[in-house]
Amino acid sequence: MSSSNERSSASPGASHKFAAGRLDRTRTHKACGDVAYRLMNDGTISDVRFNHIHAYARPRDQRADGAAHVLNIPGSHMKAKRDAIYGYNTWGPGRSLYALGYHSVPEPLEAAHDDPREFVRTLPSGCRPGKGD
């Protein structure tokens, strides 16, 4: 793909979701946010949103604070969310499950497992790659 116009048409209408690095305050999540910012600014993608993963560390009634919108996951789709969470606490290399992540944040992952919501945010106007809040 040689032009910005070709890149942006690669996934028309797609909404790209990333970990909310500037909010989650982890280096790996911040790197994801930086990439999203750069891809948006160079025209590769246009609809950029973030899941605030560490919102689950808050009390249930405060998790949506500051979210652009709350995605309510239907019961029929909660199995997919729970299966994704199991990937963070299940050791099974033969099934590509390596139990990475659960040991460092078990409480938020347990809270996410039981909460049928995702908290979606957009890029703030003052966001800059490589800079924290």
Protein backbone atom coordinates (compact mmCIF):
# COMPACT_ATOMS: atom_id res chain seq x y z
CA MET A 1 0.00 0.00 0.00
CA SER A 2 1.64 3.13 -1.14
CA SER A 3 -0.71 5.94 -0.34
CA SER A 4 -2.59 7.14 2.70
CA ASN A 5 -5.81 6.87 0.72
CA GLU A 6 -5.18 3.20 -0.07
CA ARG A 7 -4.38 2.47 3.59
CA SER A 8 -7.53 4.11 4.90
CA SER A 9 -9.73 2.18 2.48
CA ALA A 10 -8.28 -1.17 3.62
CA SER A 11 -10.98 -1.57 6.26
CA PRO A 12 -13.80 0.86 5.47
CA GLY A 13 -16.27 1.34 8.29
CA ALA A 14 -14.21 -0.67 10.77
CA SER A 15 -13.96 0.45 14.37
CA HIS A 16 -10.57 -0.33 15.88
CA LYS A 17 -10.42 -1.03 19.63
CA PHE A 18 -7.23 -0.90 21.67
CA ALA A 19 -6.29 -1.15 25.35
CA ALA A 20 -6.67 2.29 26.96
CA GLY A 21 -2.98 2.64 27.68
CA ARG A 22 -2.97 6.17 29.01
CA LEU A 23 -5.67 5.17 31.52
CA ASP A 24 -4.45 1.66 32.34
CA ARG A 25 -1.01 3.01 33.20
CA THR A 26 0.91 0.00 32.01
CA ARG A 27 3.78 0.25 29.54
CA THR A 28 2.40 -2.40 27.19
CA HIS A 29 -1.08 -0.86 27.14
CA LYS A 30 0.44 2.61 26.65
CA ALA A 31 2.35 1.29 23.64
CA CYS A 32 -0.95 0.04 22.14
CA GLY A 33 -2.45 3.50 22.62
CA ASP A 34 0.57 5.16 21.01
CA VAL A 35 0.23 2.94 17.94
CA ALA A 36 -3.48 3.71 17.69
CA TYR A 37 -2.76 7.43 17.88
CA ARG A 38 -0.14 7.22 15.13
CA LEU A 39 -2.31 5.06 12.85
CA MET A 40 -5.18 7.49 13.25
CA ASN A 41 -3.02 10.56 12.58
CA ASP A 42 -1.42 9.11 9.45
CA GLY A 43 -4.83 8.14 8.04
CA THR A 44 -4.37 4.37 8.22
CA ILE A 45 -7.46 3.99 10.42
CA SER A 46 -10.18 6.47 11.32
CA ASP A 47 -12.47 5.07 14.03
CA VAL A 48 -10.24 4.59 17.07
CA ARG A 49 -11.65 3.60 20.45
CA PHE A 50 -10.28 2.15 23.64
CA ASN A 51 -11.46 -0.42 26.16
CA HIS A 52 -10.61 0.75 29.66
CA ILE A 53 -9.54 -2.59 31.05
CA HIS A 54 -8.53 -1.38 34.48
CA ALA A 55 -11.96 0.16 35.03
CA TYR A 56 -12.77 -3.24 36.53
CA ALA A 57 -10.52 -2.39 39.47
CA ARG A 58 -13.08 0.25 40.49
CA PRO A 59 -16.29 -0.38 42.43
CA ARG A 60 -18.99 -1.66 40.04
CA ASP A 61 -21.04 1.55 40.17
CA GLN A 62 -18.00 3.69 39.20
CA ARG A 63 -16.62 1.65 36.31
CA ALA A 64 -18.41 3.63 33.60
CA ASP A 65 -17.21 7.02 34.91
CA GLY A 66 -15.63 8.93 32.01
CA ALA A 67 -16.56 6.39 29.33
CA ALA A 68 -17.72 7.70 25.95
CA HIS A 69 -20.21 4.84 26.01
CA VAL A 70 -20.84 1.55 27.74
CA LEU A 71 -21.18 -1.56 25.63
CA ASN A 72 -23.73 -3.89 27.21
CA ILE A 73 -22.79 -7.43 26.25
CA PRO A 74 -25.76 -9.73 25.66
CA GLY A 75 -25.81 -12.90 27.73
CA SER A 76 -25.37 -14.95 24.56
CA HIS A 77 -22.00 -13.23 23.96
CA MET A 78 -20.66 -13.38 27.53
CA LYS A 79 -19.18 -16.82 26.86
CA ALA A 80 -16.79 -15.23 24.34
CA LYS A 81 -15.75 -12.58 26.88
CA ARG A 82 -15.22 -15.19 29.58
CA ASP A 83 -13.27 -17.44 27.22
CA ALA A 84 -10.95 -14.51 26.44
CA ILE A 85 -10.41 -13.94 30.17
CA TYR A 86 -9.66 -17.64 30.70
CA GLY A 87 -6.73 -17.20 28.31
CA TYR A 88 -5.08 -15.03 30.97
CA ASN A 89 -5.28 -17.65 33.72
CA THR A 90 -5.09 -21.00 31.95
CA TRP A 91 -1.84 -22.86 31.33
CA GLY A 92 -2.15 -24.94 28.17
CA PRO A 93 0.65 -24.28 25.68
CA GLY A 94 -0.77 -26.94 23.35
CA ARG A 95 -3.88 -24.75 23.05
CA SER A 96 -1.88 -21.48 22.91
CA LEU A 97 -2.86 -20.60 26.50
CA TYR A 98 0.05 -19.36 28.60
CA ALA A 99 -1.58 -17.94 31.76
CA LEU A 100 0.02 -14.54 31.20
CA GLY A 101 -1.45 -11.60 33.02
CA TYR A 102 -3.77 -13.14 35.57
CA HIS A 103 -1.15 -13.28 38.33
CA SER A 104 -0.58 -9.51 38.18
CA VAL A 105 -4.23 -8.37 38.09
CA PRO A 106 -6.49 -11.17 39.37
CA GLU A 107 -9.12 -8.90 40.97
CA PRO A 108 -9.89 -6.83 37.85
CA LEU A 109 -10.00 -9.96 35.70
CA GLU A 110 -12.43 -11.63 38.09
CA ALA A 111 -14.57 -8.47 38.09
CA ALA A 112 -14.52 -8.36 34.27
CA HIS A 113 -15.55 -12.01 34.16
CA ASP A 114 -18.76 -11.18 36.03
CA ASP A 115 -19.56 -7.79 34.43
CA PRO A 116 -21.50 -7.84 31.15
CA ARG A 117 -20.16 -4.42 30.14
CA GLU A 118 -17.15 -2.94 28.37
CA PHE A 119 -16.19 0.71 28.89
CA VAL A 120 -15.31 2.40 25.63
CA ARG A 121 -13.35 5.63 25.42
CA THR A 122 -12.08 7.84 22.63
CA LEU A 123 -8.77 9.65 22.27
CA PRO A 124 -8.69 12.85 24.31
CA SER A 125 -7.72 15.98 22.43
CA GLY A 126 -4.54 16.38 24.50
CA CYS A 127 -3.25 12.85 23.92
CA ARG A 128 0.30 12.55 22.56
CA PRO A 129 2.28 9.36 21.98
CA GLY A 130 5.01 8.69 24.49
CA LYS A 131 3.56 11.03 27.11
CA GLY A 132 1.60 9.86 30.13
CA ASP A 133 -1.16 11.76 31.89
